[in-house]
Structures are given as C-alpha cells and as structure tokens.
Amino acid sequence: MAQKPRWVIEKEQAARANELWLFGLHAVRDALANPAREKLRLVLTRNAADRIGDAVEAAGIAPEIADPRRFPVPLDPGSVHQGAALLVRPLDWGPLDRVAGGAGAPLVVCLDRVTDPHNVGAVLRSAEVFGARAVIAPARHSAPETGALAKTASGALERQPYLRVGNLAAAMEELRAMGFRLLGLDGEAPVTLGAALAQGRGAPVALVLGAEGPGLRARTRETCDALVRIEAAGGFGSLNVSNAAAVALYAAAQALRG
C-alpha cells in the first residue's frame, strides 16, 4: 500500500486537532440538542441509545451501535463514557465584546492559567447557574475544550460561553472599557469581596481568579481594579478555584440584583 503524501498526513492531523470526543450521557445529550454544535460521529451502546433516543432522533444523526466490551472510541482509560460518545468540532462563541455585552447578568469570570479541566468544568456550571455572560481564559496555559471538561460541566459547555483569548490582560482591558469592574480574588487582600461589591453600585463585574498555588500572575494582578478576598470564619483554610468561583459568583449575582 502506497504511503500517503506528507501534505495529506498534515491535513488529516490538522483536522483531528480541531475535533474532540464528548462522552457521558449528559454531555452527549446536551451536545446533540445544541444546534450550534457541529456533530461528526455518534457512538452508542444499545443501552445508551435507549436512554437518549429522543435526543438522537431530534438531532437527526445516525448512531453507530457498539459492543460495550469493545467501545471503539479513543478515550483515556479512566473516562467514564456510560456508553455514549460524540465526535464534534469546538464551539465558536464569537468575539468578546459581543458575548460580554450580550444577555444575562452583567457578570463574567476570568480564569488566569487554570489548567485542570475538572475545575474549569465546575466553574462553567456555576457561571451558568448564576447567569454569567462568559467565562474567559487565555488560549495558552488553560484547559481547552475536552471531553473531561464537558463531562464535569454536565451540559453547561453547550450553553455557557467559554472564550479562550490570545492575551488575558488585553481582554480584561477590553472589559474595563465596556464598564466592567475587574475584581481579582486573593486570599491576602485587605478588602473583602462583599465590601468591594457594595462599593460598585451595580456596575458590571468581572471576577478574576488564578490557578491554585500560583494564584494570579503579576500582570493580571496589576490589571485588576481591586484585589479582594472571600471572608473566612477563621485564619486558616482556603477554597479551591472552582468553589471560590461559585461563592464569588453567588455574591456578585446577589449584589447586581440590588
């Protein structure tokens, strides 16, 4: 068999780089229901097909029925696929100004180098619950759209804009120009989140959170309008980034409602 030309191999590799497998019943069902999601291949066990048959029929895509003992999808061994996997293209939410200026509470989340897909997925769930307009992260050194992220997000990835930008500080400056106050979360900050929100008088809010351990990078900290902390009952203990985001989103959403 003749070897493929190099340009053909490179083209196929580029195409695969712009594809991802979503897995798990919730993630696959919600992706099937999303008209903006480009769907390429659906693999289901007979049991999974029975459980999400309505979504499959509505999406108009013919599934491949697979033996659960030999599930023919290239997933990590620890992936709990529940007999459902969908090959898709990543979502394109559009430019920052359109998304951040769109529907929902005047509230966004900026994640500074948060690379754990489970943390980002959990942040997306909280952002959806509290009506945030977007979750924004740098294109490099952040969790990309993956099956693990989608499964943790439990469907929120299909509805909650997740924008990965070339430069986070530049995106924050753009948000400031749109009227957002940039509040960076820092456990050592002298001002509490509640006090900062009370001073904001209902202005749009961008909550900026860093990765666990390193926290916010110097440039990100400098770009914030204020550094704030989540008030704790004692002088010890801390929240991980997804829990901190949930608490901060709740507080900000309450403050914005007046």
C-alpha atoms as a PDB file:
ATOM      1  CA  MET A   1       0.000   0.000   0.000  1.00  0.00           C
ATOM      2  CA  ALA A   2       1.434   3.369  -1.040  1.00  0.00           C
ATOM      3  CA  GLN A   3       2.369   5.764   1.730  1.00  0.00           C
ATOM      4  CA  LYS A   4       0.261   8.915   1.975  1.00  0.00           C
ATOM      5  CA  PRO A   5       1.943  12.152   0.849  1.00  0.00           C
ATOM      6  CA  ARG A   6       3.155  14.334   3.703  1.00  0.00           C
ATOM      7  CA  TRP A   7       0.683  17.096   2.862  1.00  0.00           C
ATOM      8  CA  VAL A   8      -2.209  14.646   3.172  1.00  0.00           C
ATOM      9  CA  ILE A   9      -0.960  13.453   6.568  1.00  0.00           C
ATOM     10  CA  GLU A  10      -0.545  17.039   7.784  1.00  0.00           C
ATOM     11  CA  LYS A  11      -4.040  17.945   6.571  1.00  0.00           C
ATOM     12  CA  GLU A  12      -5.535  14.951   8.404  1.00  0.00           C
ATOM     13  CA  GLN A  13      -3.628  15.829  11.588  1.00  0.00           C
ATOM     14  CA  ALA A  14      -4.865  19.428  11.427  1.00  0.00           C
ATOM     15  CA  ALA A  15      -8.440  18.225  11.004  1.00  0.00           C
ATOM     16  CA  ARG A  16      -8.134  15.908  14.014  1.00  0.00           C
ATOM     17  CA  ALA A  17      -6.710  18.762  16.098  1.00  0.00           C
ATOM     18  CA  ASN A  18      -9.983  20.623  15.510  1.00  0.00           C
ATOM     19  CA  GLU A  19     -12.103  17.715  16.738  1.00  0.00           C
ATOM     20  CA  LEU A  20     -12.882  16.310  20.167  1.00  0.00           C
ATOM     21  CA  TRP A  21     -14.789  13.419  21.644  1.00  0.00           C
ATOM     22  CA  LEU A  22     -17.504  14.288  24.143  1.00  0.00           C
ATOM     23  CA  PHE A  23     -18.553  11.414  26.364  1.00  0.00           C
ATOM     24  CA  GLY A  24     -21.091  10.604  29.047  1.00  0.00           C
ATOM     25  CA  LEU A  25     -24.865  10.647  28.735  1.00  0.00           C
ATOM     26  CA  HIS A  26     -25.424  14.236  29.943  1.00  0.00           C
ATOM     27  CA  ALA A  27     -22.647  15.767  27.844  1.00  0.00           C
ATOM     28  CA  VAL A  28     -23.664  13.889  24.699  1.00  0.00           C
ATOM     29  CA  ARG A  29     -27.385  14.565  25.129  1.00  0.00           C
ATOM     30  CA  ASP A  30     -26.829  18.300  25.577  1.00  0.00           C
ATOM     31  CA  ALA A  31     -24.427  18.476  22.636  1.00  0.00           C
ATOM     32  CA  LEU A  32     -26.976  16.692  20.441  1.00  0.00           C
ATOM     33  CA  ALA A  33     -29.556  19.303  21.472  1.00  0.00           C
ATOM     34  CA  ASN A  34     -27.238  22.217  20.619  1.00  0.00           C
ATOM     35  CA  PRO A  35     -27.847  23.401  17.022  1.00  0.00           C
ATOM     36  CA  ALA A  36     -24.580  25.372  17.108  1.00  0.00           C
ATOM     37  CA  ARG A  37     -22.536  22.226  17.744  1.00  0.00           C
ATOM     38  CA  GLU A  38     -21.124  20.559  14.614  1.00  0.00           C
ATOM     39  CA  LYS A  39     -21.589  16.820  15.096  1.00  0.00           C
ATOM     40  CA  LEU A  40     -19.392  14.376  13.186  1.00  0.00           C
ATOM     41  CA  ARG A  41     -19.850  10.861  14.588  1.00  0.00           C
ATOM     42  CA  LEU A  42     -22.022   9.319  17.299  1.00  0.00           C
ATOM     43  CA  VAL A  43     -21.164   6.035  19.013  1.00  0.00           C
ATOM     44  CA  LEU A  44     -23.603   4.458  21.463  1.00  0.00           C
ATOM     45  CA  THR A  45     -24.168   1.161  23.168  1.00  0.00           C
ATOM     46  CA  ARG A  46     -27.663  -0.255  22.813  1.00  0.00           C
ATOM     47  CA  ASN A  47     -28.471   0.729  26.412  1.00  0.00           C
ATOM     48  CA  ALA A  48     -27.281   4.320  25.896  1.00  0.00           C
ATOM     49  CA  ALA A  49     -29.239   4.556  22.648  1.00  0.00           C
ATOM     50  CA  ASP A  50     -32.384   3.577  24.519  1.00  0.00           C
ATOM     51  CA  ARG A  51     -31.731   6.193  27.210  1.00  0.00           C
ATOM     52  CA  ILE A  52     -31.075   9.186  24.927  1.00  0.00           C
ATOM     53  CA  GLY A  53     -33.023   8.052  21.876  1.00  0.00           C
ATOM     54  CA  ASP A  54     -35.191  11.182  21.866  1.00  0.00           C
ATOM     55  CA  ALA A  55     -32.139  13.462  21.613  1.00  0.00           C
ATOM     56  CA  VAL A  56     -30.602  11.289  18.891  1.00  0.00           C
ATOM     57  CA  GLU A  57     -33.786  11.390  16.839  1.00  0.00           C
ATOM     58  CA  ALA A  58     -34.152  15.161  17.255  1.00  0.00           C
ATOM     59  CA  ALA A  59     -30.536  15.727  16.185  1.00  0.00           C
ATOM     60  CA  GLY A  60     -31.029  13.664  13.023  1.00  0.00           C
ATOM     61  CA  ILE A  61     -27.723  11.809  13.325  1.00  0.00           C
ATOM     62  CA  ALA A  62     -27.463   8.056  12.816  1.00  0.00           C
ATOM     63  CA  PRO A  63     -25.569   6.404  15.693  1.00  0.00           C
ATOM     64  CA  GLU A  64     -23.097   3.559  15.445  1.00  0.00           C
ATOM     65  CA  ILE A  65     -24.197   0.867  17.874  1.00  0.00           C
ATOM     66  CA  ALA A  66     -21.177  -0.537  19.700  1.00  0.00           C
ATOM     67  CA  ASP A  67     -20.414  -3.507  21.922  1.00  0.00           C
ATOM     68  CA  PRO A  68     -19.841  -2.098  25.455  1.00  0.00           C
ATOM     69  CA  ARG A  69     -16.929  -4.533  25.889  1.00  0.00           C
ATOM     70  CA  ARG A  70     -15.121  -3.111  22.844  1.00  0.00           C
ATOM     71  CA  PHE A  71     -16.125   0.547  22.762  1.00  0.00           C
ATOM     72  CA  PRO A  72     -14.462   1.852  19.562  1.00  0.00           C
ATOM     73  CA  VAL A  73     -13.621   5.393  20.675  1.00  0.00           C
ATOM     74  CA  PRO A  74     -10.105   6.690  21.544  1.00  0.00           C
ATOM     75  CA  LEU A  75     -10.744   7.825  25.128  1.00  0.00           C
ATOM     76  CA  ASP A  76      -8.441   7.779  28.134  1.00  0.00           C
ATOM     77  CA  PRO A  77      -8.786   4.510  30.084  1.00  0.00           C
ATOM     78  CA  GLY A  78     -10.290   6.312  33.093  1.00  0.00           C
ATOM     79  CA  SER A  79     -13.014   8.063  31.084  1.00  0.00           C
ATOM     80  CA  VAL A  80     -16.497   7.076  32.278  1.00  0.00           C
ATOM     81  CA  HIS A  81     -18.302   7.215  28.935  1.00  0.00           C
ATOM     82  CA  GLN A  82     -21.555   5.468  30.001  1.00  0.00           C
ATOM     83  CA  GLY A  83     -21.771   4.005  26.514  1.00  0.00           C
ATOM     84  CA  ALA A  84     -22.081   7.366  24.749  1.00  0.00           C
ATOM     85  CA  ALA A  85     -19.509   9.345  22.758  1.00  0.00           C
ATOM     86  CA  LEU A  86     -19.904  12.100  20.179  1.00  0.00           C
ATOM     87  CA  LEU A  87     -17.180  13.446  17.890  1.00  0.00           C
ATOM     88  CA  VAL A  88     -17.640  17.208  17.449  1.00  0.00           C
ATOM     89  CA  ARG A  89     -15.932  20.425  16.462  1.00  0.00           C
ATOM     90  CA  PRO A  90     -15.200  23.033  19.191  1.00  0.00           C
ATOM     91  CA  LEU A  91     -17.791  25.756  19.641  1.00  0.00           C
ATOM     92  CA  ASP A  92     -17.223  29.277  18.325  1.00  0.00           C
ATOM     93  CA  TRP A  93     -18.903  31.812  20.611  1.00  0.00           C
ATOM     94  CA  GLY A  94     -17.782  34.876  18.679  1.00  0.00           C
ATOM     95  CA  PRO A  95     -15.846  37.968  19.809  1.00  0.00           C
ATOM     96  CA  LEU A  96     -15.504  39.080  23.404  1.00  0.00           C
ATOM     97  CA  ASP A  97     -17.363  42.366  23.010  1.00  0.00           C
ATOM     98  CA  ARG A  98     -20.441  40.647  21.611  1.00  0.00           C
ATOM     99  CA  VAL A  99     -20.528  37.879  24.215  1.00  0.00           C
ATOM    100  CA  ALA A 100     -19.702  40.036  27.260  1.00  0.00           C
ATOM    101  CA  GLY A 101     -22.201  42.656  26.120  1.00  0.00           C
ATOM    102  CA  GLY A 102     -24.975  40.132  25.500  1.00  0.00           C
ATOM    103  CA  ALA A 103     -27.798  38.619  27.528  1.00  0.00           C
ATOM    104  CA  GLY A 104     -27.547  37.615  31.160  1.00  0.00           C
ATOM    105  CA  ALA A 105     -26.288  39.338  34.273  1.00  0.00           C
ATOM    106  CA  PRO A 106     -23.516  41.928  33.678  1.00  0.00           C
ATOM    107  CA  LEU A 107     -21.074  39.415  35.133  1.00  0.00           C
ATOM    108  CA  VAL A 108     -18.126  37.472  33.687  1.00  0.00           C
ATOM    109  CA  VAL A 109     -15.390  35.225  35.075  1.00  0.00           C
ATOM    110  CA  CYS A 110     -11.735  35.457  34.004  1.00  0.00           C
ATOM    111  CA  LEU A 111      -9.544  32.429  34.737  1.00  0.00           C
ATOM    112  CA  ASP A 112      -5.787  33.019  34.818  1.00  0.00           C
ATOM    113  CA  ARG A 113      -3.991  29.825  33.777  1.00  0.00           C
ATOM    114  CA  VAL A 114      -6.470  27.394  35.318  1.00  0.00           C
ATOM    115  CA  THR A 115      -5.442  24.195  33.533  1.00  0.00           C
ATOM    116  CA  ASP A 116      -7.467  21.496  35.324  1.00  0.00           C
ATOM    117  CA  PRO A 117     -10.458  20.614  33.100  1.00  0.00           C
ATOM    118  CA  HIS A 118     -12.476  19.495  36.122  1.00  0.00           C
ATOM    119  CA  ASN A 119     -12.061  22.890  37.774  1.00  0.00           C
ATOM    120  CA  VAL A 120     -12.981  24.742  34.584  1.00  0.00           C
ATOM    121  CA  GLY A 121     -15.972  22.472  34.021  1.00  0.00           C
ATOM    122  CA  ALA A 122     -17.191  23.174  37.546  1.00  0.00           C
ATOM    123  CA  VAL A 123     -16.724  26.935  37.018  1.00  0.00           C
ATOM    124  CA  LEU A 124     -18.805  26.726  33.833  1.00  0.00           C
ATOM    125  CA  ARG A 125     -21.616  25.025  35.762  1.00  0.00           C
ATOM    126  CA  SER A 126     -21.596  27.759  38.408  1.00  0.00           C
ATOM    127  CA  ALA A 127     -21.381  30.505  35.777  1.00  0.00           C
ATOM    128  CA  GLU A 128     -24.465  29.104  34.069  1.00  0.00           C
ATOM    129  CA  VAL A 129     -26.390  28.783  37.343  1.00  0.00           C
ATOM    130  CA  PHE A 130     -25.728  32.412  38.292  1.00  0.00           C
ATOM    131  CA  GLY A 131     -26.320  33.820  34.815  1.00  0.00           C
ATOM    132  CA  ALA A 132     -22.796  34.977  33.912  1.00  0.00           C
ATOM    133  CA  ARG A 133     -22.296  36.109  30.338  1.00  0.00           C
ATOM    134  CA  ALA A 134     -18.963  34.357  29.796  1.00  0.00           C
ATOM    135  CA  VAL A 135     -16.006  32.510  31.251  1.00  0.00           C
ATOM    136  CA  ILE A 136     -12.783  33.851  29.739  1.00  0.00           C
ATOM    137  CA  ALA A 137      -9.329  32.237  29.784  1.00  0.00           C
ATOM    138  CA  PRO A 138      -6.057  32.597  27.888  1.00  0.00           C
ATOM    139  CA  ALA A 139      -5.688  30.369  24.832  1.00  0.00           C
ATOM    140  CA  ARG A 140      -2.375  29.077  26.165  1.00  0.00           C
ATOM    141  CA  HIS A 141      -1.901  27.527  29.607  1.00  0.00           C
ATOM    142  CA  SER A 142      -5.618  26.992  30.238  1.00  0.00           C
ATOM    143  CA  ALA A 143      -7.906  23.996  29.992  1.00  0.00           C
ATOM    144  CA  PRO A 144      -9.067  23.521  26.394  1.00  0.00           C
ATOM    145  CA  GLU A 145     -12.491  22.233  25.418  1.00  0.00           C
ATOM    146  CA  THR A 146     -12.235  18.487  26.068  1.00  0.00           C
ATOM    147  CA  GLY A 147     -14.465  15.552  26.865  1.00  0.00           C
ATOM    148  CA  ALA A 148     -13.376  15.611  30.518  1.00  0.00           C
ATOM    149  CA  LEU A 149     -14.229  19.309  30.813  1.00  0.00           C
ATOM    150  CA  ALA A 150     -17.598  18.788  29.115  1.00  0.00           C
ATOM    151  CA  LYS A 151     -18.493  15.878  31.388  1.00  0.00           C
ATOM    152  CA  THR A 152     -17.661  17.876  34.530  1.00  0.00           C
ATOM    153  CA  ALA A 153     -19.645  20.835  33.165  1.00  0.00           C
ATOM    154  CA  SER A 154     -22.642  18.472  32.836  1.00  0.00           C
ATOM    155  CA  GLY A 155     -24.066  20.224  29.787  1.00  0.00           C
ATOM    156  CA  ALA A 156     -23.058  23.787  30.686  1.00  0.00           C
ATOM    157  CA  LEU A 157     -20.351  23.784  28.000  1.00  0.00           C
ATOM    158  CA  GLU A 158     -23.101  23.819  25.376  1.00  0.00           C
ATOM    159  CA  ARG A 159     -24.836  26.873  26.860  1.00  0.00           C
ATOM    160  CA  GLN A 160     -22.254  28.861  28.823  1.00  0.00           C
ATOM    161  CA  PRO A 161     -19.813  30.815  26.618  1.00  0.00           C
ATOM    162  CA  TYR A 162     -16.201  29.736  27.213  1.00  0.00           C
ATOM    163  CA  LEU A 163     -13.849  32.118  25.409  1.00  0.00           C
ATOM    164  CA  ARG A 164     -10.121  31.472  25.141  1.00  0.00           C
ATOM    165  CA  VAL A 165      -8.344  34.686  24.206  1.00  0.00           C
ATOM    166  CA  GLY A 166      -4.871  35.486  22.954  1.00  0.00           C
ATOM    167  CA  ASN A 167      -3.993  37.789  25.858  1.00  0.00           C
ATOM    168  CA  LEU A 168      -5.928  37.778  29.124  1.00  0.00           C
ATOM    169  CA  ALA A 169      -4.720  41.203  30.279  1.00  0.00           C
ATOM    170  CA  ALA A 170      -5.778  42.744  26.958  1.00  0.00           C
ATOM    171  CA  ALA A 171      -9.195  41.071  27.281  1.00  0.00           C
ATOM    172  CA  MET A 172      -9.510  42.496  30.803  1.00  0.00           C
ATOM    173  CA  GLU A 173      -8.705  45.981  29.477  1.00  0.00           C
ATOM    174  CA  GLU A 174     -11.438  45.497  26.872  1.00  0.00           C
ATOM    175  CA  LEU A 175     -13.868  44.535  29.611  1.00  0.00           C
ATOM    176  CA  ARG A 176     -12.891  47.646  31.577  1.00  0.00           C
ATOM    177  CA  ALA A 177     -13.605  49.773  28.512  1.00  0.00           C
ATOM    178  CA  MET A 178     -17.059  48.157  28.427  1.00  0.00           C
ATOM    179  CA  GLY A 179     -17.696  49.301  32.012  1.00  0.00           C
ATOM    180  CA  PHE A 180     -16.740  46.160  33.958  1.00  0.00           C
ATOM    181  CA  ARG A 181     -15.002  46.424  37.343  1.00  0.00           C
ATOM    182  CA  LEU A 182     -12.159  43.908  37.494  1.00  0.00           C
ATOM    183  CA  LEU A 183     -12.062  42.229  40.927  1.00  0.00           C
ATOM    184  CA  GLY A 184      -9.153  39.840  41.428  1.00  0.00           C
ATOM    185  CA  LEU A 185      -9.543  37.221  44.130  1.00  0.00           C
ATOM    186  CA  ASP A 186      -6.585  36.998  46.507  1.00  0.00           C
ATOM    187  CA  GLY A 187      -6.717  35.383  49.934  1.00  0.00           C
ATOM    188  CA  GLU A 188      -4.372  38.034  51.351  1.00  0.00           C
ATOM    189  CA  ALA A 189      -6.254  41.082  50.025  1.00  0.00           C
ATOM    190  CA  PRO A 190      -7.234  43.699  52.637  1.00  0.00           C
ATOM    191  CA  VAL A 191     -10.715  44.276  51.159  1.00  0.00           C
ATOM    192  CA  THR A 192     -13.490  41.682  51.252  1.00  0.00           C
ATOM    193  CA  LEU A 193     -15.449  40.758  48.157  1.00  0.00           C
ATOM    194  CA  GLY A 194     -18.670  41.876  49.842  1.00  0.00           C
ATOM    195  CA  ALA A 195     -17.278  45.336  50.615  1.00  0.00           C
ATOM    196  CA  ALA A 196     -15.972  45.764  47.069  1.00  0.00           C
ATOM    197  CA  LEU A 197     -19.307  44.755  45.561  1.00  0.00           C
ATOM    198  CA  ALA A 198     -21.141  47.172  47.857  1.00  0.00           C
ATOM    199  CA  GLN A 199     -18.921  49.998  46.629  1.00  0.00           C
ATOM    200  CA  GLY A 200     -19.586  49.125  42.980  1.00  0.00           C
ATOM    201  CA  ARG A 201     -23.192  50.392  42.936  1.00  0.00           C
ATOM    202  CA  GLY A 202     -24.367  47.785  40.446  1.00  0.00           C
ATOM    203  CA  ALA A 203     -21.569  48.226  37.880  1.00  0.00           C
ATOM    204  CA  PRO A 204     -20.823  45.179  35.701  1.00  0.00           C
ATOM    205  CA  VAL A 205     -18.378  42.819  37.419  1.00  0.00           C
ATOM    206  CA  ALA A 206     -15.516  40.686  36.121  1.00  0.00           C
ATOM    207  CA  LEU A 207     -14.311  38.180  38.722  1.00  0.00           C
ATOM    208  CA  VAL A 208     -10.671  37.248  38.110  1.00  0.00           C
ATOM    209  CA  LEU A 209      -9.339  34.005  39.600  1.00  0.00           C
ATOM    210  CA  GLY A 210      -5.913  32.407  39.369  1.00  0.00           C
ATOM    211  CA  ALA A 211      -4.715  28.838  39.433  1.00  0.00           C
ATOM    212  CA  GLU A 212      -4.412  27.091  42.775  1.00  0.00           C
ATOM    213  CA  GLY A 213      -0.939  27.565  44.176  1.00  0.00           C
ATOM    214  CA  PRO A 214       0.485  30.316  41.944  1.00  0.00           C
ATOM    215  CA  GLY A 215      -2.660  32.447  42.071  1.00  0.00           C
ATOM    216  CA  LEU A 216      -2.884  35.495  39.817  1.00  0.00           C
ATOM    217  CA  ARG A 217       0.135  36.375  37.689  1.00  0.00           C
ATOM    218  CA  ALA A 218       1.738  39.788  38.257  1.00  0.00           C
ATOM    219  CA  ARG A 219       0.375  41.290  35.021  1.00  0.00           C
ATOM    220  CA  THR A 220      -3.113  40.033  35.815  1.00  0.00           C
ATOM    221  CA  ARG A 221      -2.980  41.455  39.348  1.00  0.00           C
ATOM    222  CA  GLU A 222      -1.815  44.822  38.022  1.00  0.00           C
ATOM    223  CA  THR A 223      -4.674  44.938  35.527  1.00  0.00           C
ATOM    224  CA  CYS A 224      -7.357  44.396  38.195  1.00  0.00           C
ATOM    225  CA  ASP A 225      -9.181  47.401  39.624  1.00  0.00           C
ATOM    226  CA  ALA A 226      -9.051  45.855  43.100  1.00  0.00           C
ATOM    227  CA  LEU A 227      -7.869  42.712  44.851  1.00  0.00           C
ATOM    228  CA  VAL A 228     -10.461  41.180  47.153  1.00  0.00           C
ATOM    229  CA  ARG A 229     -10.780  38.192  49.420  1.00  0.00           C
ATOM    230  CA  ILE A 230     -13.627  35.872  50.330  1.00  0.00           C
ATOM    231  CA  GLU A 231     -14.111  36.388  54.047  1.00  0.00           C
ATOM    232  CA  ALA A 232     -13.500  33.233  56.070  1.00  0.00           C
ATOM    233  CA  ALA A 233     -14.580  32.334  59.590  1.00  0.00           C
ATOM    234  CA  GLY A 234     -11.032  31.649  60.740  1.00  0.00           C
ATOM    235  CA  GLY A 235      -7.476  32.426  59.824  1.00  0.00           C
ATOM    236  CA  PHE A 236      -6.854  29.099  58.112  1.00  0.00           C
ATOM    237  CA  GLY A 237      -8.161  27.021  55.244  1.00  0.00           C
ATOM    238  CA  SER A 238      -8.926  28.011  51.682  1.00  0.00           C
ATOM    239  CA  LEU A 239     -11.278  27.177  48.805  1.00  0.00           C
ATOM    240  CA  ASN A 240     -10.182  25.613  45.564  1.00  0.00           C
ATOM    241  CA  VAL A 241     -10.671  27.728  42.457  1.00  0.00           C
ATOM    242  CA  SER A 242     -13.992  26.216  41.400  1.00  0.00           C
ATOM    243  CA  ASN A 243     -15.502  26.589  44.889  1.00  0.00           C
ATOM    244  CA  ALA A 244     -14.162  30.139  45.174  1.00  0.00           C
ATOM    245  CA  ALA A 245     -15.707  30.950  41.804  1.00  0.00           C
ATOM    246  CA  ALA A 246     -19.085  29.577  42.922  1.00  0.00           C
ATOM    247  CA  VAL A 247     -19.073  31.645  46.119  1.00  0.00           C
ATOM    248  CA  ALA A 248     -17.936  34.800  44.301  1.00  0.00           C
ATOM    249  CA  LEU A 249     -20.498  34.339  41.520  1.00  0.00           C
ATOM    250  CA  TYR A 250     -23.303  33.978  44.049  1.00  0.00           C
ATOM    251  CA  ALA A 251     -22.197  37.120  45.915  1.00  0.00           C
ATOM    252  CA  ALA A 252     -21.798  39.137  42.716  1.00  0.00           C
ATOM    253  CA  ALA A 253     -25.137  37.991  41.290  1.00  0.00           C
ATOM    254  CA  GLN A 254     -26.883  38.970  44.532  1.00  0.00           C
ATOM    255  CA  ALA A 255     -25.194  42.379  44.569  1.00  0.00           C
ATOM    256  CA  LEU A 256     -26.113  43.066  40.956  1.00  0.00           C
ATOM    257  CA  ARG A 257     -29.764  42.300  41.692  1.00  0.00           C
ATOM    258  CA  GLY A 258     -29.617  45.084  44.278  1.00  0.00           C
END
